[in-house]
């Protein structure tokens, strides 16, 4: 009986040493396991890299398709859609910053007879030569586009009405001097140009109509000059 009492006293003394005064010792249960987010596996990282590569290729392809939708495939210049987009931006810039510009619509005079007599390959050669000539006559900041068939448009920055009309005449003259030889025949094409001045009150549709109307007036004048 004394041995049990001594053992109990010893146990009580040890408990008192490890427990702060005035507090009862509470038995602790097992600790909950600490969970950590597993690191991405090598397969997951490889999949992410592959998907990023595919996404980059898809975005690049989208840009190519968007560019091709706005570009004339034969002449590698903006088509009507691409040119009108650039003209819309230019008019917005002119209105905001009170800049100036000119729109020239140019029509090739004798493309259809060339196509009929020598084939569309000959007509394509004429168009390519005309585009090359026109691009050599304008600045890198200017924009040239094909509105369709044998009709082109040029957006020229910072030109007065006098300068724009002089430029249109110079473009006509440059094209008039082009000659082509098909099946032993030497021919020329010629072109007629009309001008519309772009200012703070310009609108895209109205500017195109104005330049187009001026071009047809000029075409009639050139036809009259040739007949006389």
C-alpha atoms as a PDB file:
ATOM      1  CA  UNK A   1       0.000   0.000   0.000  1.00  0.00           C
ATOM      2  CA  UNK A   2       2.843   2.402   0.766  1.00  0.00           C
ATOM      3  CA  UNK A   3       4.534   1.574  -2.563  1.00  0.00           C
ATOM      4  CA  UNK A   4       1.412   2.557  -4.511  1.00  0.00           C
ATOM      5  CA  UNK A   5       1.089   5.819  -2.561  1.00  0.00           C
ATOM      6  CA  UNK A   6       4.705   6.743  -3.250  1.00  0.00           C
ATOM      7  CA  UNK A   7       4.322   6.000  -6.952  1.00  0.00           C
ATOM      8  CA  UNK A   8       1.206   8.148  -7.167  1.00  0.00           C
ATOM      9  CA  UNK A   9       2.930  10.995  -5.367  1.00  0.00           C
ATOM     10  CA  UNK A  10       5.899  10.801  -7.702  1.00  0.00           C
ATOM     11  CA  UNK A  11       3.588  10.932 -10.754  1.00  0.00           C
ATOM     12  CA  UNK A  12       1.728  13.906  -9.295  1.00  0.00           C
ATOM     13  CA  UNK A  13       4.978  15.752  -8.654  1.00  0.00           C
ATOM     14  CA  UNK A  14       6.142  15.229 -12.218  1.00  0.00           C
ATOM     15  CA  UNK A  15       2.832  16.517 -13.537  1.00  0.00           C
ATOM     16  CA  UNK A  16       3.110  19.635 -11.358  1.00  0.00           C
ATOM     17  CA  UNK A  17       6.583  20.380 -12.746  1.00  0.00           C
ATOM     18  CA  UNK A  18       5.442  20.317 -16.373  1.00  0.00           C
ATOM     19  CA  UNK A  19       2.128  22.157 -15.834  1.00  0.00           C
ATOM     20  CA  UNK A  20       1.952  25.937 -15.026  1.00  0.00           C
ATOM     21  CA  UNK A  21       0.523  26.803 -11.650  1.00  0.00           C
ATOM     22  CA  UNK A  22      -3.228  27.192 -11.573  1.00  0.00           C
ATOM     23  CA  UNK A  23      -3.783  25.266 -14.849  1.00  0.00           C
ATOM     24  CA  UNK A  24      -4.848  21.735 -15.302  1.00  0.00           C
ATOM     25  CA  UNK A  25      -3.048  19.487 -17.733  1.00  0.00           C
ATOM     26  CA  UNK A  26      -5.242  18.591 -20.678  1.00  0.00           C
ATOM     27  CA  UNK A  27      -4.334  15.545 -22.658  1.00  0.00           C
ATOM     28  CA  UNK A  28      -3.615  16.301 -26.332  1.00  0.00           C
ATOM     29  CA  UNK A  29      -4.912  14.174 -29.147  1.00  0.00           C
ATOM     30  CA  UNK A  30      -3.016  13.340 -32.335  1.00  0.00           C
ATOM     31  CA  UNK A  31      -2.080  16.322 -34.587  1.00  0.00           C
ATOM     32  CA  UNK A  32      -3.921  16.768 -37.904  1.00  0.00           C
ATOM     33  CA  UNK A  33      -1.692  16.088 -40.874  1.00  0.00           C
ATOM     34  CA  UNK A  34      -0.436  19.231 -42.731  1.00  0.00           C
ATOM     35  CA  UNK A  35      -1.584  19.230 -46.345  1.00  0.00           C
ATOM     36  CA  UNK A  36       0.532  20.892 -49.027  1.00  0.00           C
ATOM     37  CA  UNK A  37      -0.402  21.624 -52.672  1.00  0.00           C
ATOM     38  CA  UNK A  38       1.345  19.102 -54.804  1.00  0.00           C
ATOM     39  CA  UNK A  39       3.884  20.547 -57.237  1.00  0.00           C
ATOM     40  CA  UNK A  40       2.934  20.506 -60.910  1.00  0.00           C
ATOM     41  CA  UNK A  41       4.068  17.313 -62.474  1.00  0.00           C
ATOM     42  CA  UNK A  42       6.409  17.204 -65.444  1.00  0.00           C
ATOM     43  CA  UNK A  43       3.519  16.089 -67.661  1.00  0.00           C
ATOM     44  CA  UNK A  44       1.400  19.088 -66.635  1.00  0.00           C
ATOM     45  CA  UNK A  45       4.241  21.512 -67.376  1.00  0.00           C
ATOM     46  CA  UNK A  46       4.786  19.900 -70.763  1.00  0.00           C
ATOM     47  CA  UNK A  47       1.076  20.240 -71.557  1.00  0.00           C
ATOM     48  CA  UNK A  48       1.111  23.921 -70.612  1.00  0.00           C
ATOM     49  CA  UNK A  49       4.091  24.581 -72.859  1.00  0.00           C
ATOM     50  CA  UNK A  50       2.424  22.748 -75.739  1.00  0.00           C
ATOM     51  CA  UNK A  51      -0.832  24.693 -75.327  1.00  0.00           C
ATOM     52  CA  UNK A  52       1.036  28.013 -75.214  1.00  0.00           C
ATOM     53  CA  UNK A  53       2.821  27.123 -78.461  1.00  0.00           C
ATOM     54  CA  UNK A  54      -0.452  26.173 -80.128  1.00  0.00           C
ATOM     55  CA  UNK A  55      -2.048  29.417 -78.961  1.00  0.00           C
ATOM     56  CA  UNK A  56       0.827  31.499 -80.352  1.00  0.00           C
ATOM     57  CA  UNK A  57       0.520  29.734 -83.714  1.00  0.00           C
ATOM     58  CA  UNK A  58      -3.245  30.247 -83.774  1.00  0.00           C
ATOM     59  CA  UNK A  59      -2.886  33.975 -83.027  1.00  0.00           C
ATOM     60  CA  UNK A  60      -0.271  34.339 -85.754  1.00  0.00           C
ATOM     61  CA  UNK A  61      -2.566  32.584 -88.197  1.00  0.00           C
ATOM     62  CA  UNK A  62      -5.448  34.878 -87.265  1.00  0.00           C
ATOM     63  CA  UNK A  63      -3.255  37.912 -87.978  1.00  0.00           C
ATOM     64  CA  UNK A  64      -2.304  36.448 -91.364  1.00  0.00           C
ATOM     65  CA  UNK A  65      -5.937  35.842 -92.276  1.00  0.00           C
ATOM     66  CA  UNK A  66      -6.941  39.345 -91.180  1.00  0.00           C
ATOM     67  CA  UNK A  67      -4.135  40.844 -93.260  1.00  0.00           C
ATOM     68  CA  UNK A  68      -5.060  38.770 -96.316  1.00  0.00           C
ATOM     69  CA  UNK A  69      -8.701  39.834 -95.975  1.00  0.00           C
ATOM     70  CA  UNK A  70      -7.605  43.478 -96.361  1.00  0.00           C
ATOM     71  CA  UNK A  71      -5.012  42.930 -99.109  1.00  0.00           C
ATOM     72  CA  UNK A  72      -5.333  42.545-102.872  1.00  0.00           C
ATOM     73  CA  UNK A  73      -3.742  39.170-103.593  1.00  0.00           C
ATOM     74  CA  UNK A  74      -2.509  40.165-107.080  1.00  0.00           C
ATOM     75  CA  UNK A  75      -0.992  43.565-106.366  1.00  0.00           C
ATOM     76  CA  UNK A  76      -0.080  43.246-102.671  1.00  0.00           C
ATOM     77  CA  UNK A  77      -1.701  46.550-101.703  1.00  0.00           C
ATOM     78  CA  UNK A  78      -4.827  47.167 -99.606  1.00  0.00           C
ATOM     79  CA  UNK A  79      -8.076  46.140-101.254  1.00  0.00           C
ATOM     80  CA  UNK A  80     -11.219  48.273-100.948  1.00  0.00           C
ATOM     81  CA  UNK A  81     -11.908  47.039 -97.416  1.00  0.00           C
ATOM     82  CA  UNK A  82      -8.329  47.662 -96.300  1.00  0.00           C
ATOM     83  CA  UNK A  83      -8.144  51.083 -97.920  1.00  0.00           C
ATOM     84  CA  UNK A  84     -11.455  52.245 -96.471  1.00  0.00           C
ATOM     85  CA  UNK A  85     -10.262  51.189 -93.031  1.00  0.00           C
ATOM     86  CA  UNK A  86      -7.119  53.314 -93.459  1.00  0.00           C
ATOM     87  CA  UNK A  87      -9.158  56.207 -94.829  1.00  0.00           C
ATOM     88  CA  UNK A  88     -11.524  56.014 -91.865  1.00  0.00           C
ATOM     89  CA  UNK A  89      -8.554  56.218 -89.474  1.00  0.00           C
ATOM     90  CA  UNK A  90      -7.059  59.096 -91.444  1.00  0.00           C
ATOM     91  CA  UNK A  91     -10.267  61.133 -91.349  1.00  0.00           C
ATOM     92  CA  UNK A  92     -10.564  60.559 -87.585  1.00  0.00           C
ATOM     93  CA  UNK A  93      -6.957  61.771 -87.165  1.00  0.00           C
ATOM     94  CA  UNK A  94      -7.583  64.821 -89.367  1.00  0.00           C
ATOM     95  CA  UNK A  95     -10.654  65.778 -87.354  1.00  0.00           C
ATOM     96  CA  UNK A  96      -8.910  65.363 -84.016  1.00  0.00           C
ATOM     97  CA  UNK A  97      -5.643  67.108 -84.829  1.00  0.00           C
ATOM     98  CA  UNK A  98      -6.847  69.516 -87.552  1.00  0.00           C
ATOM     99  CA  UNK A  99      -4.500  67.952 -90.090  1.00  0.00           C
ATOM    100  CA  UNK A 100      -5.050  67.905 -93.855  1.00  0.00           C
ATOM    101  CA  UNK A 101      -4.900  65.433 -96.659  1.00  0.00           C
ATOM    102  CA  UNK A 102      -6.158  64.561-100.106  1.00  0.00           C
ATOM    103  CA  UNK A 103      -7.923  61.587-101.626  1.00  0.00           C
ATOM    104  CA  UNK A 104      -7.198  60.739-105.256  1.00  0.00           C
ATOM    105  CA  UNK A 105      -9.306  58.185-107.122  1.00  0.00           C
ATOM    106  CA  UNK A 106      -7.611  56.972-110.296  1.00  0.00           C
ATOM    107  CA  UNK A 107      -9.101  54.821-113.051  1.00  0.00           C
ATOM    108  CA  UNK A 108      -7.077  53.025-115.727  1.00  0.00           C
ATOM    109  CA  UNK A 109      -8.422  54.167-119.103  1.00  0.00           C
ATOM    110  CA  UNK A 110      -7.932  51.213-121.456  1.00  0.00           C
ATOM    111  CA  UNK A 111      -7.598  48.092-119.344  1.00  0.00           C
ATOM    112  CA  UNK A 112     -10.663  46.301-120.732  1.00  0.00           C
ATOM    113  CA  UNK A 113      -9.520  46.507-124.409  1.00  0.00           C
ATOM    114  CA  UNK A 114      -6.122  45.144-123.323  1.00  0.00           C
ATOM    115  CA  UNK A 115      -7.783  42.228-121.502  1.00  0.00           C
ATOM    116  CA  UNK A 116     -10.029  41.533-124.492  1.00  0.00           C
ATOM    117  CA  UNK A 117      -7.223  41.670-127.061  1.00  0.00           C
ATOM    118  CA  UNK A 118      -4.345  40.035-125.177  1.00  0.00           C
ATOM    119  CA  UNK A 119      -5.872  38.195-122.221  1.00  0.00           C
ATOM    120  CA  UNK A 120      -6.076  38.834-118.497  1.00  0.00           C
ATOM    121  CA  UNK A 121      -2.415  37.938-117.969  1.00  0.00           C
ATOM    122  CA  UNK A 122      -1.519  40.988-120.054  1.00  0.00           C
ATOM    123  CA  UNK A 123      -3.971  43.095-118.088  1.00  0.00           C
ATOM    124  CA  UNK A 124      -2.426  41.898-114.820  1.00  0.00           C
ATOM    125  CA  UNK A 125       1.010  42.917-116.108  1.00  0.00           C
ATOM    126  CA  UNK A 126      -0.306  46.392-116.871  1.00  0.00           C
ATOM    127  CA  UNK A 127      -1.846  46.718-113.400  1.00  0.00           C
ATOM    128  CA  UNK A 128       1.377  45.645-111.693  1.00  0.00           C
ATOM    129  CA  UNK A 129       3.397  48.182-113.689  1.00  0.00           C
ATOM    130  CA  UNK A 130       0.902  50.941-112.843  1.00  0.00           C
ATOM    131  CA  UNK A 131       0.999  50.126-109.124  1.00  0.00           C
ATOM    132  CA  UNK A 132       4.793  50.157-109.159  1.00  0.00           C
ATOM    133  CA  UNK A 133       4.768  53.536-110.919  1.00  0.00           C
ATOM    134  CA  UNK A 134       2.244  55.062-108.531  1.00  0.00           C
ATOM    135  CA  UNK A 135       4.075  53.838-105.439  1.00  0.00           C
ATOM    136  CA  UNK A 136       7.231  55.445-106.813  1.00  0.00           C
ATOM    137  CA  UNK A 137       5.418  58.789-106.994  1.00  0.00           C
ATOM    138  CA  UNK A 138       4.127  58.938-103.395  1.00  0.00           C
ATOM    139  CA  UNK A 139       5.656  58.994 -99.925  1.00  0.00           C
ATOM    140  CA  UNK A 140       5.960  56.021 -97.590  1.00  0.00           C
ATOM    141  CA  UNK A 141       3.434  57.658 -95.254  1.00  0.00           C
ATOM    142  CA  UNK A 142       0.820  57.785 -98.032  1.00  0.00           C
ATOM    143  CA  UNK A 143      -1.561  54.881 -98.638  1.00  0.00           C
ATOM    144  CA  UNK A 144      -2.555  53.302-101.936  1.00  0.00           C
ATOM    145  CA  UNK A 145      -5.329  50.783-102.423  1.00  0.00           C
ATOM    146  CA  UNK A 146      -7.264  49.003-105.140  1.00  0.00           C
ATOM    147  CA  UNK A 147     -10.950  49.805-104.986  1.00  0.00           C
ATOM    148  CA  UNK A 148     -11.739  47.131-107.544  1.00  0.00           C
ATOM    149  CA  UNK A 149     -11.036  46.190-111.156  1.00  0.00           C
ATOM    150  CA  UNK A 150      -9.124  49.065-112.748  1.00  0.00           C
ATOM    151  CA  UNK A 151      -9.841  51.669-110.058  1.00  0.00           C
ATOM    152  CA  UNK A 152      -7.327  52.773-107.437  1.00  0.00           C
ATOM    153  CA  UNK A 153      -7.279  55.261-104.571  1.00  0.00           C
ATOM    154  CA  UNK A 154      -4.462  57.161-102.900  1.00  0.00           C
ATOM    155  CA  UNK A 155      -4.505  58.833 -99.498  1.00  0.00           C
ATOM    156  CA  UNK A 156      -1.960  61.654 -99.481  1.00  0.00           C
ATOM    157  CA  UNK A 157      -1.079  63.611 -96.342  1.00  0.00           C
ATOM    158  CA  UNK A 158      -0.609  67.366 -95.908  1.00  0.00           C
ATOM    159  CA  UNK A 159      -1.455  68.584 -99.407  1.00  0.00           C
ATOM    160  CA  UNK A 160      -3.321  71.711-100.355  1.00  0.00           C
ATOM    161  CA  UNK A 161      -5.963  71.518-103.085  1.00  0.00           C
ATOM    162  CA  UNK A 162      -3.529  73.027-105.584  1.00  0.00           C
ATOM    163  CA  UNK A 163      -0.792  70.554-104.668  1.00  0.00           C
ATOM    164  CA  UNK A 164      -3.216  67.627-104.743  1.00  0.00           C
ATOM    165  CA  UNK A 165      -4.431  68.480-108.244  1.00  0.00           C
ATOM    166  CA  UNK A 166      -0.843  68.903-109.392  1.00  0.00           C
ATOM    167  CA  UNK A 167      -0.013  65.484-107.943  1.00  0.00           C
ATOM    168  CA  UNK A 168      -3.012  63.924-109.699  1.00  0.00           C
ATOM    169  CA  UNK A 169      -1.827  65.385-113.016  1.00  0.00           C
ATOM    170  CA  UNK A 170       1.688  64.060-112.380  1.00  0.00           C
ATOM    171  CA  UNK A 171       0.307  60.568-111.683  1.00  0.00           C
ATOM    172  CA  UNK A 172      -1.670  60.658-114.935  1.00  0.00           C
ATOM    173  CA  UNK A 173       1.427  61.710-116.843  1.00  0.00           C
ATOM    174  CA  UNK A 174       3.565  58.977-115.288  1.00  0.00           C
ATOM    175  CA  UNK A 175       1.075  56.304-116.323  1.00  0.00           C
ATOM    176  CA  UNK A 176       0.623  57.817-119.786  1.00  0.00           C
ATOM    177  CA  UNK A 177       4.337  57.268-120.398  1.00  0.00           C
ATOM    178  CA  UNK A 178       4.136  53.523-119.675  1.00  0.00           C
ATOM    179  CA  UNK A 179       4.259  51.323-122.773  1.00  0.00           C
ATOM    180  CA  UNK A 180       3.824  47.559-123.145  1.00  0.00           C
ATOM    181  CA  UNK A 181       4.554  45.112-125.919  1.00  0.00           C
ATOM    182  CA  UNK A 182       2.125  42.211-126.385  1.00  0.00           C
ATOM    183  CA  UNK A 183       2.349  39.921-129.425  1.00  0.00           C
ATOM    184  CA  UNK A 184       4.483  42.422-131.249  1.00  0.00           C
ATOM    185  CA  UNK A 185       2.104  45.324-130.583  1.00  0.00           C
ATOM    186  CA  UNK A 186       3.152  48.333-128.504  1.00  0.00           C
ATOM    187  CA  UNK A 187       0.306  49.709-126.424  1.00  0.00           C
ATOM    188  CA  UNK A 188      -0.280  52.156-123.565  1.00  0.00           C
ATOM    189  CA  UNK A 189      -2.969  52.305-120.931  1.00  0.00           C
ATOM    190  CA  UNK A 190      -3.372  55.800-119.489  1.00  0.00           C
ATOM    191  CA  UNK A 191      -5.358  56.861-116.436  1.00  0.00           C
ATOM    192  CA  UNK A 192      -7.745  59.563-115.214  1.00  0.00           C
ATOM    193  CA  UNK A 193      -7.586  60.960-111.680  1.00  0.00           C
ATOM    194  CA  UNK A 194     -10.056  62.873-109.508  1.00  0.00           C
ATOM    195  CA  UNK A 195      -9.334  64.702-106.245  1.00  0.00           C
ATOM    196  CA  UNK A 196     -11.194  65.289-102.969  1.00  0.00           C
ATOM    197  CA  UNK A 197      -9.669  67.357-100.165  1.00  0.00           C
ATOM    198  CA  UNK A 198      -9.880  65.900 -96.651  1.00  0.00           C
ATOM    199  CA  UNK A 199     -10.564  68.246 -93.768  1.00  0.00           C
ATOM    200  CA  UNK A 200     -12.251  68.473 -90.352  1.00  0.00           C
ATOM    201  CA  UNK A 201     -15.710  68.010 -91.875  1.00  0.00           C
ATOM    202  CA  UNK A 202     -14.903  65.103 -94.199  1.00  0.00           C
ATOM    203  CA  UNK A 203     -16.840  61.852 -94.199  1.00  0.00           C
ATOM    204  CA  UNK A 204     -15.580  58.622 -95.728  1.00  0.00           C
ATOM    205  CA  UNK A 205     -18.459  57.931 -98.099  1.00  0.00           C
ATOM    206  CA  UNK A 206     -18.797  61.532 -99.203  1.00  0.00           C
ATOM    207  CA  UNK A 207     -15.053  61.867 -99.844  1.00  0.00           C
ATOM    208  CA  UNK A 208     -14.999  58.743-102.016  1.00  0.00           C
ATOM    209  CA  UNK A 209     -18.041  59.937-103.969  1.00  0.00           C
ATOM    210  CA  UNK A 210     -16.504  63.367-104.511  1.00  0.00           C
ATOM    211  CA  UNK A 211     -13.193  61.978-105.755  1.00  0.00           C
ATOM    212  CA  UNK A 212     -14.967  59.398-107.912  1.00  0.00           C
ATOM    213  CA  UNK A 213     -17.168  62.044-109.519  1.00  0.00           C
ATOM    214  CA  UNK A 214     -14.139  64.244-110.195  1.00  0.00           C
ATOM    215  CA  UNK A 215     -12.404  61.248-111.781  1.00  0.00           C
ATOM    216  CA  UNK A 216     -15.281  60.676-114.233  1.00  0.00           C
ATOM    217  CA  UNK A 217     -15.276  64.363-115.162  1.00  0.00           C
ATOM    218  CA  UNK A 218     -11.543  64.106-115.805  1.00  0.00           C
ATOM    219  CA  UNK A 219     -12.020  60.931-117.859  1.00  0.00           C
ATOM    220  CA  UNK A 220     -14.513  62.722-120.086  1.00  0.00           C
ATOM    221  CA  UNK A 221     -12.076  65.629-120.513  1.00  0.00           C
ATOM    222  CA  UNK A 222      -9.261  63.285-121.507  1.00  0.00           C
ATOM    223  CA  UNK A 223     -11.511  61.485-123.969  1.00  0.00           C
ATOM    224  CA  UNK A 224     -12.462  64.818-125.532  1.00  0.00           C
ATOM    225  CA  UNK A 225      -8.788  65.867-125.713  1.00  0.00           C
ATOM    226  CA  UNK A 226      -7.889  62.594-127.440  1.00  0.00           C
ATOM    227  CA  UNK A 227     -10.678  62.893-129.999  1.00  0.00           C
ATOM    228  CA  UNK A 228      -9.601  66.434-130.867  1.00  0.00           C
END
